[in-house]
Amino acid sequence: MKISAFDIRVGNLIEHQGKLWRVLKKNHVKPGKGGAFVQVELKEVSVGTKLNERFRSADTVEKAHVEARKMQYLYAEGTGLVFMDNESFEQLTIPAEDLEDQMGYLLPNTEVQINVHNDNPIGIELPATVVMEVVDTEAVVKGQTASGSAKPAELETGLRVNVPTFVTVGDKVKVNTDTGEYVERAE
């Protein structure tokens, strides 16, 4: 689907120069002389190379058709992560290196959205928050607590986050998957 260059949004996937690109940054520029243009920073999905491109107001770009599939994370196998389609029960393995930044938030049975382009998985979208158990953290000496203080804690996937001093080993905590920060204690 062709869209105007001014309708590009951060996070969009576009087809440009025969490749698939994710829009990282977008900036409208209206110089004193000449026509307005859009400056965008793109990252190639398959290789990871970056490109800064300038589009005039009359330019159009091809927005990539991406199919979103609801899937469930099952387990890690060798160098891949196995997911199951919630509708067809078909299994899909994605290389762990492609999801390196997101692996710490994946517990078995976690529901995720996998974005697919031309039958190839190009990324996953995690839920906004996940609940995990604290497996290691420092003990707090009574009377040592101060308001707003935090201590490091290791969660069951190996993820490390700062938690309030009242959190102990065995507690379940809710973590924001965008920022990696502690949200609240979970029941």
N, C-alpha and C. Protein backbone atom coordinates (compact mmCIF):
# COMPACT_ATOMS: atom_id res chain seq x y z
N MET A 1 0.85 -1.17 0.00
CA MET A 1 0.00 0.00 0.00
C MET A 1 0.89 1.24 0.00
N LYS A 2 0.69 2.11 -0.95
CA LYS A 2 1.47 3.34 -1.06
C LYS A 2 0.92 4.38 -0.09
N ILE A 3 1.83 5.04 0.62
CA ILE A 3 1.43 6.13 1.52
C ILE A 3 2.34 7.32 1.24
N SER A 4 1.86 8.51 1.56
CA SER A 4 2.66 9.72 1.42
C SER A 4 3.83 9.66 2.40
N ALA A 5 4.94 10.24 2.02
CA ALA A 5 6.11 10.26 2.90
C ALA A 5 5.80 10.97 4.21
N PHE A 6 4.86 11.92 4.19
CA PHE A 6 4.50 12.65 5.41
C PHE A 6 3.64 11.81 6.35
N ASP A 7 3.10 10.68 5.87
CA ASP A 7 2.29 9.79 6.71
C ASP A 7 3.12 8.68 7.37
N ILE A 8 4.43 8.67 7.13
CA ILE A 8 5.30 7.68 7.77
C ILE A 8 5.30 7.93 9.27
N ARG A 9 5.23 6.86 10.05
CA ARG A 9 5.25 6.94 11.51
C ARG A 9 6.43 6.13 12.04
N VAL A 10 6.96 6.54 13.18
CA VAL A 10 8.03 5.77 13.83
C VAL A 10 7.48 4.39 14.16
N GLY A 11 8.25 3.36 13.82
CA GLY A 11 7.83 1.98 14.05
C GLY A 11 7.24 1.32 12.82
N ASN A 12 6.86 2.12 11.80
CA ASN A 12 6.32 1.55 10.56
C ASN A 12 7.37 0.70 9.85
N LEU A 13 6.90 -0.28 9.11
CA LEU A 13 7.77 -1.06 8.23
C LEU A 13 7.47 -0.61 6.81
N ILE A 14 8.53 -0.23 6.08
CA ILE A 14 8.35 0.20 4.70
C ILE A 14 9.29 -0.58 3.80
N GLU A 15 8.88 -0.72 2.54
CA GLU A 15 9.73 -1.34 1.53
C GLU A 15 10.38 -0.21 0.75
N HIS A 16 11.73 -0.20 0.74
CA HIS A 16 12.48 0.86 0.09
C HIS A 16 13.75 0.26 -0.48
N GLN A 17 14.07 0.57 -1.72
CA GLN A 17 15.25 0.04 -2.40
C GLN A 17 15.25 -1.50 -2.42
N GLY A 18 14.08 -2.09 -2.49
CA GLY A 18 13.95 -3.55 -2.57
C GLY A 18 14.19 -4.27 -1.26
N LYS A 19 14.23 -3.54 -0.16
CA LYS A 19 14.47 -4.15 1.15
C LYS A 19 13.39 -3.71 2.13
N LEU A 20 13.33 -4.42 3.27
CA LEU A 20 12.36 -4.11 4.31
C LEU A 20 13.06 -3.29 5.40
N TRP A 21 12.48 -2.13 5.74
CA TRP A 21 13.08 -1.21 6.70
C TRP A 21 12.09 -0.86 7.81
N ARG A 22 12.60 -0.67 9.03
CA ARG A 22 11.80 -0.18 10.15
C ARG A 22 12.17 1.28 10.38
N VAL A 23 11.17 2.15 10.56
CA VAL A 23 11.40 3.58 10.77
C VAL A 23 11.76 3.80 12.24
N LEU A 24 12.96 4.33 12.48
CA LEU A 24 13.43 4.58 13.85
C LEU A 24 13.15 6.02 14.29
N LYS A 25 13.38 6.98 13.39
CA LYS A 25 13.17 8.40 13.70
C LYS A 25 12.57 9.09 12.49
N LYS A 26 11.80 10.15 12.76
CA LYS A 26 11.20 10.93 11.68
C LYS A 26 11.26 12.39 12.08
N ASN A 27 11.61 13.24 11.10
CA ASN A 27 11.72 14.66 11.38
C ASN A 27 11.19 15.45 10.18
N HIS A 28 10.17 16.29 10.41
CA HIS A 28 9.67 17.19 9.36
C HIS A 28 10.61 18.38 9.28
N VAL A 29 11.00 18.75 8.07
CA VAL A 29 11.87 19.91 7.89
C VAL A 29 11.22 20.84 6.87
N LYS A 30 11.08 22.12 7.24
CA LYS A 30 10.55 23.13 6.33
C LYS A 30 11.58 24.24 6.25
N PRO A 31 12.46 24.13 5.25
CA PRO A 31 13.51 25.16 5.12
C PRO A 31 12.91 26.49 4.65
N GLY A 32 13.67 27.56 4.83
CA GLY A 32 13.21 28.88 4.38
C GLY A 32 13.02 28.94 2.88
N LYS A 33 13.89 28.27 2.15
CA LYS A 33 13.80 28.22 0.69
C LYS A 33 13.52 26.79 0.27
N GLY A 34 12.69 26.62 -0.73
CA GLY A 34 12.42 25.27 -1.23
C GLY A 34 11.26 24.62 -0.51
N GLY A 35 10.97 23.38 -0.93
CA GLY A 35 9.82 22.67 -0.38
C GLY A 35 10.15 21.91 0.89
N ALA A 36 9.11 21.58 1.64
CA ALA A 36 9.27 20.81 2.87
C ALA A 36 9.65 19.37 2.53
N PHE A 37 10.31 18.72 3.47
CA PHE A 37 10.66 17.31 3.29
C PHE A 37 10.66 16.60 4.62
N VAL A 38 10.73 15.28 4.55
CA VAL A 38 10.77 14.44 5.75
C VAL A 38 12.12 13.74 5.78
N GLN A 39 12.82 13.85 6.90
CA GLN A 39 14.09 13.15 7.11
C GLN A 39 13.78 11.96 8.02
N VAL A 40 14.07 10.74 7.55
CA VAL A 40 13.78 9.55 8.36
C VAL A 40 15.05 8.72 8.53
N GLU A 41 15.17 8.10 9.71
CA GLU A 41 16.24 7.14 9.95
C GLU A 41 15.62 5.76 9.89
N LEU A 42 16.20 4.91 9.03
CA LEU A 42 15.66 3.58 8.79
C LEU A 42 16.66 2.52 9.23
N LYS A 43 16.15 1.37 9.65
CA LYS A 43 17.01 0.23 9.99
C LYS A 43 16.51 -0.97 9.21
N GLU A 44 17.42 -1.61 8.46
CA GLU A 44 17.03 -2.77 7.68
C GLU A 44 16.71 -3.92 8.63
N VAL A 45 15.57 -4.57 8.42
CA VAL A 45 15.10 -5.61 9.32
C VAL A 45 16.00 -6.84 9.31
N SER A 46 16.42 -7.28 8.14
CA SER A 46 17.16 -8.54 8.05
C SER A 46 18.62 -8.41 8.45
N VAL A 47 19.29 -7.30 8.12
CA VAL A 47 20.72 -7.17 8.36
C VAL A 47 21.03 -6.25 9.54
N GLY A 48 20.23 -5.20 9.72
CA GLY A 48 20.45 -4.28 10.82
C GLY A 48 21.20 -3.02 10.43
N THR A 49 21.48 -2.83 9.14
CA THR A 49 22.15 -1.61 8.72
C THR A 49 21.20 -0.42 8.78
N LYS A 50 21.76 0.76 9.03
CA LYS A 50 20.94 1.96 9.13
C LYS A 50 21.11 2.83 7.91
N LEU A 51 20.09 3.62 7.63
CA LEU A 51 20.08 4.51 6.47
C LEU A 51 19.30 5.77 6.83
N ASN A 52 19.86 6.92 6.51
CA ASN A 52 19.13 8.18 6.64
C ASN A 52 18.65 8.57 5.26
N GLU A 53 17.36 8.78 5.13
CA GLU A 53 16.77 9.05 3.82
C GLU A 53 15.92 10.32 3.91
N ARG A 54 15.90 11.07 2.81
CA ARG A 54 15.12 12.30 2.73
C ARG A 54 14.05 12.11 1.67
N PHE A 55 12.79 12.36 2.04
CA PHE A 55 11.67 12.25 1.10
C PHE A 55 11.03 13.62 0.94
N ARG A 56 10.76 14.01 -0.32
CA ARG A 56 10.04 15.26 -0.60
C ARG A 56 8.55 15.05 -0.33
N SER A 57 7.80 16.13 -0.28
CA SER A 57 6.37 16.03 0.02
C SER A 57 5.61 15.26 -1.05
N ALA A 58 6.08 15.27 -2.29
CA ALA A 58 5.39 14.56 -3.37
C ALA A 58 5.71 13.07 -3.40
N ASP A 59 6.73 12.62 -2.66
CA ASP A 59 7.15 11.21 -2.68
C ASP A 59 6.15 10.32 -1.96
N THR A 60 6.06 9.09 -2.47
CA THR A 60 5.27 8.07 -1.79
C THR A 60 6.19 6.89 -1.49
N VAL A 61 5.85 6.15 -0.43
CA VAL A 61 6.61 4.95 -0.07
C VAL A 61 5.65 3.78 0.06
N GLU A 62 6.19 2.59 -0.08
CA GLU A 62 5.39 1.37 0.02
C GLU A 62 5.40 0.90 1.47
N LYS A 63 4.24 0.93 2.11
CA LYS A 63 4.13 0.42 3.47
C LYS A 63 4.03 -1.10 3.38
N ALA A 64 4.90 -1.79 4.11
CA ALA A 64 4.95 -3.25 4.05
C ALA A 64 3.71 -3.86 4.70
N HIS A 65 3.21 -4.92 4.08
CA HIS A 65 2.08 -5.64 4.67
C HIS A 65 2.64 -6.61 5.71
N VAL A 66 2.27 -6.38 6.95
CA VAL A 66 2.75 -7.21 8.05
C VAL A 66 1.54 -7.88 8.69
N GLU A 67 1.63 -9.19 8.84
CA GLU A 67 0.57 -9.94 9.48
C GLU A 67 0.96 -10.18 10.93
N ALA A 68 0.06 -9.86 11.84
CA ALA A 68 0.32 -10.07 13.27
C ALA A 68 -0.35 -11.37 13.70
N ARG A 69 0.44 -12.27 14.29
CA ARG A 69 -0.08 -13.55 14.76
C ARG A 69 0.10 -13.66 16.26
N LYS A 70 -0.99 -14.05 16.94
CA LYS A 70 -0.92 -14.30 18.38
C LYS A 70 -0.29 -15.67 18.58
N MET A 71 0.80 -15.71 19.33
CA MET A 71 1.48 -16.97 19.58
C MET A 71 1.86 -17.07 21.04
N GLN A 72 2.26 -18.27 21.43
CA GLN A 72 2.63 -18.54 22.81
C GLN A 72 4.06 -19.07 22.82
N TYR A 73 4.90 -18.47 23.70
CA TYR A 73 6.27 -18.95 23.83
C TYR A 73 6.25 -20.28 24.57
N LEU A 74 6.93 -21.30 24.01
CA LEU A 74 6.95 -22.62 24.63
C LEU A 74 8.25 -22.89 25.38
N TYR A 75 9.39 -22.90 24.64
CA TYR A 75 10.67 -23.23 25.27
C TYR A 75 11.82 -22.85 24.36
N ALA A 76 13.03 -22.86 24.93
CA ALA A 76 14.25 -22.63 24.16
C ALA A 76 14.79 -23.99 23.74
N GLU A 77 15.21 -24.07 22.47
CA GLU A 77 15.74 -25.33 21.95
C GLU A 77 16.99 -25.02 21.15
N GLY A 78 18.14 -25.45 21.66
CA GLY A 78 19.40 -25.15 20.97
C GLY A 78 19.62 -23.66 20.88
N THR A 79 19.74 -23.13 19.66
CA THR A 79 19.95 -21.70 19.47
C THR A 79 18.67 -20.99 19.06
N GLY A 80 17.53 -21.63 19.24
CA GLY A 80 16.26 -21.03 18.84
C GLY A 80 15.23 -21.03 19.95
N LEU A 81 14.20 -20.23 19.76
CA LEU A 81 13.07 -20.16 20.68
C LEU A 81 11.84 -20.66 19.93
N VAL A 82 11.08 -21.54 20.58
CA VAL A 82 9.94 -22.18 19.92
C VAL A 82 8.65 -21.50 20.38
N PHE A 83 7.83 -21.11 19.39
CA PHE A 83 6.53 -20.48 19.63
C PHE A 83 5.45 -21.32 18.97
N MET A 84 4.22 -21.27 19.54
CA MET A 84 3.11 -22.03 18.98
C MET A 84 1.98 -21.07 18.62
N ASP A 85 1.44 -21.21 17.41
CA ASP A 85 0.31 -20.42 16.95
C ASP A 85 -0.92 -20.82 17.77
N ASN A 86 -1.63 -19.82 18.32
CA ASN A 86 -2.78 -20.11 19.19
C ASN A 86 -3.97 -20.70 18.44
N GLU A 87 -4.04 -20.48 17.12
CA GLU A 87 -5.18 -20.98 16.36
C GLU A 87 -4.89 -22.30 15.66
N SER A 88 -3.76 -22.39 14.96
CA SER A 88 -3.46 -23.60 14.18
C SER A 88 -2.59 -24.59 14.94
N PHE A 89 -2.04 -24.19 16.08
CA PHE A 89 -1.13 -25.00 16.90
C PHE A 89 0.16 -25.35 16.16
N GLU A 90 0.43 -24.64 15.07
CA GLU A 90 1.67 -24.81 14.31
C GLU A 90 2.82 -24.19 15.11
N GLN A 91 3.98 -24.86 15.10
CA GLN A 91 5.13 -24.36 15.85
C GLN A 91 6.11 -23.65 14.94
N LEU A 92 6.75 -22.62 15.48
CA LEU A 92 7.67 -21.78 14.73
C LEU A 92 8.90 -21.55 15.61
N THR A 93 10.10 -21.72 15.03
CA THR A 93 11.33 -21.48 15.77
C THR A 93 11.99 -20.22 15.25
N ILE A 94 12.32 -19.31 16.16
CA ILE A 94 12.99 -18.05 15.82
C ILE A 94 14.38 -18.09 16.46
N PRO A 95 15.43 -17.74 15.71
CA PRO A 95 16.78 -17.74 16.30
C PRO A 95 16.85 -16.82 17.52
N ALA A 96 17.49 -17.31 18.58
CA ALA A 96 17.59 -16.55 19.83
C ALA A 96 18.33 -15.22 19.63
N GLU A 97 19.29 -15.18 18.72
CA GLU A 97 20.05 -13.94 18.50
C GLU A 97 19.17 -12.83 17.97
N ASP A 98 18.06 -13.16 17.29
CA ASP A 98 17.14 -12.14 16.78
C ASP A 98 16.31 -11.50 17.90
N LEU A 99 16.20 -12.20 19.03
CA LEU A 99 15.36 -11.73 20.13
C LEU A 99 16.17 -11.50 21.40
N GLU A 100 17.46 -11.22 21.24
CA GLU A 100 18.36 -11.12 22.38
C GLU A 100 17.87 -10.14 23.44
N ASP A 101 17.37 -8.97 23.03
CA ASP A 101 16.94 -7.95 23.99
C ASP A 101 15.62 -8.32 24.69
N GLN A 102 14.87 -9.25 24.12
CA GLN A 102 13.55 -9.57 24.66
C GLN A 102 13.50 -10.90 25.42
N MET A 103 14.57 -11.68 25.33
CA MET A 103 14.57 -13.02 25.93
C MET A 103 14.35 -13.00 27.44
N GLY A 104 14.84 -11.99 28.13
CA GLY A 104 14.71 -11.91 29.59
C GLY A 104 13.27 -11.78 30.06
N TYR A 105 12.36 -11.44 29.15
CA TYR A 105 10.95 -11.27 29.52
C TYR A 105 10.10 -12.48 29.15
N LEU A 106 10.72 -13.49 28.53
CA LEU A 106 9.96 -14.63 28.04
C LEU A 106 9.96 -15.79 29.03
N LEU A 107 8.81 -16.10 29.54
CA LEU A 107 8.60 -17.29 30.37
C LEU A 107 7.74 -18.25 29.57
N PRO A 108 7.86 -19.55 29.80
CA PRO A 108 6.97 -20.48 29.09
C PRO A 108 5.51 -20.07 29.25
N ASN A 109 4.75 -20.20 28.18
CA ASN A 109 3.32 -19.87 28.10
C ASN A 109 3.03 -18.38 28.02
N THR A 110 4.05 -17.54 27.80
CA THR A 110 3.84 -16.10 27.63
C THR A 110 3.21 -15.86 26.26
N GLU A 111 2.12 -15.10 26.23
CA GLU A 111 1.45 -14.74 24.98
C GLU A 111 2.18 -13.55 24.36
N VAL A 112 2.55 -13.68 23.09
CA VAL A 112 3.23 -12.60 22.37
C VAL A 112 2.57 -12.44 21.00
N GLN A 113 2.88 -11.32 20.35
CA GLN A 113 2.42 -11.11 18.98
C GLN A 113 3.66 -11.19 18.09
N ILE A 114 3.63 -12.08 17.11
CA ILE A 114 4.75 -12.21 16.19
C ILE A 114 4.35 -11.57 14.87
N ASN A 115 5.18 -10.63 14.41
CA ASN A 115 4.93 -9.95 13.15
C ASN A 115 5.58 -10.74 12.02
N VAL A 116 4.78 -11.04 10.99
CA VAL A 116 5.24 -11.88 9.89
C VAL A 116 5.12 -11.09 8.58
N HIS A 117 6.19 -11.12 7.78
CA HIS A 117 6.20 -10.47 6.47
C HIS A 117 6.64 -11.51 5.45
N ASN A 118 5.81 -11.78 4.45
CA ASN A 118 6.09 -12.80 3.43
C ASN A 118 6.47 -14.15 4.06
N ASP A 119 5.69 -14.57 5.05
CA ASP A 119 5.89 -15.84 5.77
C ASP A 119 7.19 -15.92 6.55
N ASN A 120 7.87 -14.80 6.77
CA ASN A 120 9.09 -14.77 7.59
C ASN A 120 8.83 -13.96 8.84
N PRO A 121 9.11 -14.51 10.04
CA PRO A 121 8.94 -13.72 11.26
C PRO A 121 9.99 -12.60 11.30
N ILE A 122 9.55 -11.37 11.57
CA ILE A 122 10.47 -10.24 11.58
C ILE A 122 10.57 -9.58 12.95
N GLY A 123 9.88 -10.08 13.93
CA GLY A 123 9.98 -9.52 15.28
C GLY A 123 8.79 -9.91 16.12
N ILE A 124 8.95 -9.73 17.43
CA ILE A 124 7.84 -10.02 18.34
C ILE A 124 7.51 -8.78 19.16
N GLU A 125 6.26 -8.71 19.57
CA GLU A 125 5.81 -7.66 20.47
C GLU A 125 5.40 -8.33 21.77
N LEU A 126 6.07 -7.94 22.85
CA LEU A 126 5.79 -8.51 24.17
C LEU A 126 4.57 -7.82 24.78
N PRO A 127 3.94 -8.46 25.77
CA PRO A 127 2.89 -7.75 26.51
C PRO A 127 3.52 -6.54 27.22
N ALA A 128 2.72 -5.57 27.62
CA ALA A 128 3.23 -4.35 28.24
C ALA A 128 3.99 -4.65 29.54
N THR A 129 3.49 -5.62 30.31
CA THR A 129 4.16 -6.02 31.55
C THR A 129 4.15 -7.54 31.68
N VAL A 130 5.12 -8.07 32.42
CA VAL A 130 5.18 -9.50 32.72
C VAL A 130 5.38 -9.66 34.22
N VAL A 131 4.89 -10.79 34.76
CA VAL A 131 5.05 -11.09 36.17
C VAL A 131 6.08 -12.19 36.32
N MET A 132 7.11 -11.93 37.14
CA MET A 132 8.18 -12.91 37.35
C MET A 132 8.53 -12.99 38.83
N GLU A 133 9.13 -14.12 39.20
CA GLU A 133 9.52 -14.35 40.59
C GLU A 133 10.95 -13.90 40.83
N VAL A 134 11.18 -13.29 42.00
CA VAL A 134 12.52 -12.87 42.40
C VAL A 134 13.26 -14.10 42.93
N VAL A 135 14.43 -14.41 42.36
CA VAL A 135 15.19 -15.58 42.81
C VAL A 135 16.40 -15.19 43.64
N ASP A 136 16.85 -13.93 43.54
CA ASP A 136 17.99 -13.50 44.33
C ASP A 136 17.94 -12.00 44.53
N THR A 137 18.13 -11.56 45.78
CA THR A 137 18.22 -10.14 46.10
C THR A 137 18.87 -10.00 47.47
N GLU A 138 19.35 -8.81 47.78
CA GLU A 138 20.00 -8.57 49.06
C GLU A 138 18.97 -8.51 50.17
N ALA A 139 19.39 -8.96 51.35
CA ALA A 139 18.53 -8.82 52.53
C ALA A 139 18.68 -7.39 53.04
N VAL A 140 17.64 -6.86 53.65
CA VAL A 140 17.67 -5.50 54.16
C VAL A 140 17.72 -5.55 55.67
N VAL A 141 18.63 -4.79 56.26
CA VAL A 141 18.73 -4.71 57.71
C VAL A 141 17.63 -3.78 58.21
N LYS A 142 16.94 -4.19 59.28
CA LYS A 142 15.84 -3.40 59.81
C LYS A 142 16.34 -2.01 60.22
N GLY A 143 15.60 -0.99 59.84
CA GLY A 143 15.98 0.38 60.16
C GLY A 143 16.89 1.01 59.11
N GLN A 144 17.32 0.22 58.15
CA GLN A 144 18.23 0.72 57.11
C GLN A 144 17.46 1.29 55.92
N THR A 145 16.16 1.07 55.89
CA THR A 145 15.38 1.49 54.72
C THR A 145 15.20 3.00 54.69
N ALA A 146 15.20 3.52 53.50
CA ALA A 146 14.92 4.94 53.28
C ALA A 146 13.88 5.01 52.18
N SER A 147 13.07 6.04 52.22
CA SER A 147 12.02 6.13 51.20
C SER A 147 12.64 6.31 49.82
N GLY A 148 12.09 5.58 48.85
CA GLY A 148 12.56 5.71 47.48
C GLY A 148 13.83 4.94 47.16
N SER A 149 14.37 4.19 48.13
CA SER A 149 15.60 3.46 47.84
C SER A 149 15.27 2.15 47.12
N ALA A 150 16.25 1.65 46.38
CA ALA A 150 16.04 0.42 45.62
C ALA A 150 17.27 -0.47 45.76
N LYS A 151 17.08 -1.74 45.45
CA LYS A 151 18.18 -2.70 45.49
C LYS A 151 18.08 -3.58 44.25
N PRO A 152 19.20 -4.15 43.79
CA PRO A 152 19.15 -5.01 42.61
C PRO A 152 18.53 -6.36 42.96
N ALA A 153 17.82 -6.93 41.98
CA ALA A 153 17.23 -8.26 42.17
C ALA A 153 17.36 -9.03 40.86
N GLU A 154 17.54 -10.35 40.99
CA GLU A 154 17.59 -11.21 39.81
C GLU A 154 16.27 -11.96 39.74
N LEU A 155 15.68 -11.97 38.53
CA LEU A 155 14.40 -12.65 38.33
C LEU A 155 14.63 -14.04 37.75
N GLU A 156 13.59 -14.84 37.66
CA GLU A 156 13.71 -16.25 37.27
C GLU A 156 14.29 -16.47 35.88
N THR A 157 14.26 -15.48 35.00
CA THR A 157 14.84 -15.64 33.66
C THR A 157 16.28 -15.16 33.61
N GLY A 158 16.79 -14.63 34.72
CA GLY A 158 18.14 -14.09 34.75
C GLY A 158 18.16 -12.58 34.57
N LEU A 159 17.01 -11.98 34.30
CA LEU A 159 16.88 -10.54 34.14
C LEU A 159 17.17 -9.85 35.47
N ARG A 160 17.90 -8.74 35.43
CA ARG A 160 18.20 -7.99 36.65
C ARG A 160 17.45 -6.66 36.61
N VAL A 161 16.74 -6.36 37.70
CA VAL A 161 16.01 -5.10 37.82
C VAL A 161 16.21 -4.54 39.23
N ASN A 162 16.01 -3.24 39.37
CA ASN A 162 16.04 -2.62 40.69
C ASN A 162 14.63 -2.66 41.27
N VAL A 163 14.54 -3.13 42.52
CA VAL A 163 13.25 -3.26 43.18
C VAL A 163 13.29 -2.50 44.51
N PRO A 164 12.14 -2.16 45.08
CA PRO A 164 12.11 -1.51 46.39
C PRO A 164 12.69 -2.45 47.46
N THR A 165 13.11 -1.88 48.56
CA THR A 165 13.78 -2.67 49.61
C THR A 165 12.87 -3.69 50.28
N PHE A 166 11.55 -3.54 50.22
CA PHE A 166 10.65 -4.50 50.87
C PHE A 166 10.47 -5.79 50.08
N VAL A 167 10.93 -5.85 48.83
CA VAL A 167 10.79 -7.05 48.01
C VAL A 167 11.83 -8.08 48.46
N THR A 168 11.38 -9.35 48.63
CA THR A 168 12.27 -10.41 49.08
C THR A 168 12.26 -11.57 48.08
N VAL A 169 13.19 -12.51 48.29
CA VAL A 169 13.27 -13.70 47.43
C VAL A 169 11.94 -14.45 47.51
N GLY A 170 11.41 -14.87 46.37
CA GLY A 170 10.14 -15.59 46.33
C GLY A 170 8.96 -14.70 45.98
N ASP A 171 9.12 -13.38 46.12
CA ASP A 171 8.04 -12.46 45.75
C ASP A 171 7.90 -12.44 44.23
N LYS A 172 6.68 -12.19 43.76
CA LYS A 172 6.43 -12.01 42.34
C LYS A 172 6.30 -10.51 42.08
N VAL A 173 6.99 -10.05 41.03
CA VAL A 173 6.95 -8.63 40.70
C VAL A 173 6.52 -8.44 39.25
N LYS A 174 5.90 -7.30 39.00
CA LYS A 174 5.49 -6.93 37.64
C LYS A 174 6.56 -6.01 37.07
N VAL A 175 7.02 -6.32 35.83
CA VAL A 175 8.09 -5.56 35.19
C VAL A 175 7.60 -5.01 33.85
N ASN A 176 7.89 -3.75 33.58
CA ASN A 176 7.55 -3.11 32.31
C ASN A 176 8.50 -3.64 31.24
N THR A 177 7.97 -4.20 30.13
CA THR A 177 8.84 -4.79 29.10
C THR A 177 9.47 -3.74 28.19
N ASP A 178 8.95 -2.51 28.17
CA ASP A 178 9.56 -1.46 27.36
C ASP A 178 10.78 -0.86 28.04
N THR A 179 10.66 -0.58 29.34
CA THR A 179 11.73 0.10 30.07
C THR A 179 12.59 -0.84 30.91
N GLY A 180 12.08 -2.04 31.21
CA GLY A 180 12.81 -2.97 32.07
C GLY A 180 12.76 -2.58 33.53
N GLU A 181 11.80 -1.74 33.90
CA GLU A 181 11.71 -1.26 35.27
C GLU A 181 10.62 -1.97 36.06
N TYR A 182 10.84 -2.05 37.37
CA TYR A 182 9.87 -2.59 38.33
C TYR A 182 8.62 -1.73 38.29
N VAL A 183 7.44 -2.37 38.27
CA VAL A 183 6.18 -1.64 38.29
C VAL A 183 5.52 -1.75 39.66
N GLU A 184 5.29 -2.99 40.10
CA GLU A 184 4.66 -3.23 41.40
C GLU A 184 4.84 -4.69 41.78
N ARG A 185 4.53 -4.98 43.06
CA ARG A 185 4.54 -6.36 43.51
C ARG A 185 3.25 -7.02 43.04
N ALA A 186 3.35 -8.25 42.57
CA ALA A 186 2.17 -8.97 42.06
C ALA A 186 1.76 -10.05 43.04
N GLU A 187 0.52 -10.43 42.94
CA GLU A 187 0.00 -11.49 43.82
C GLU A 187 0.11 -12.84 43.19
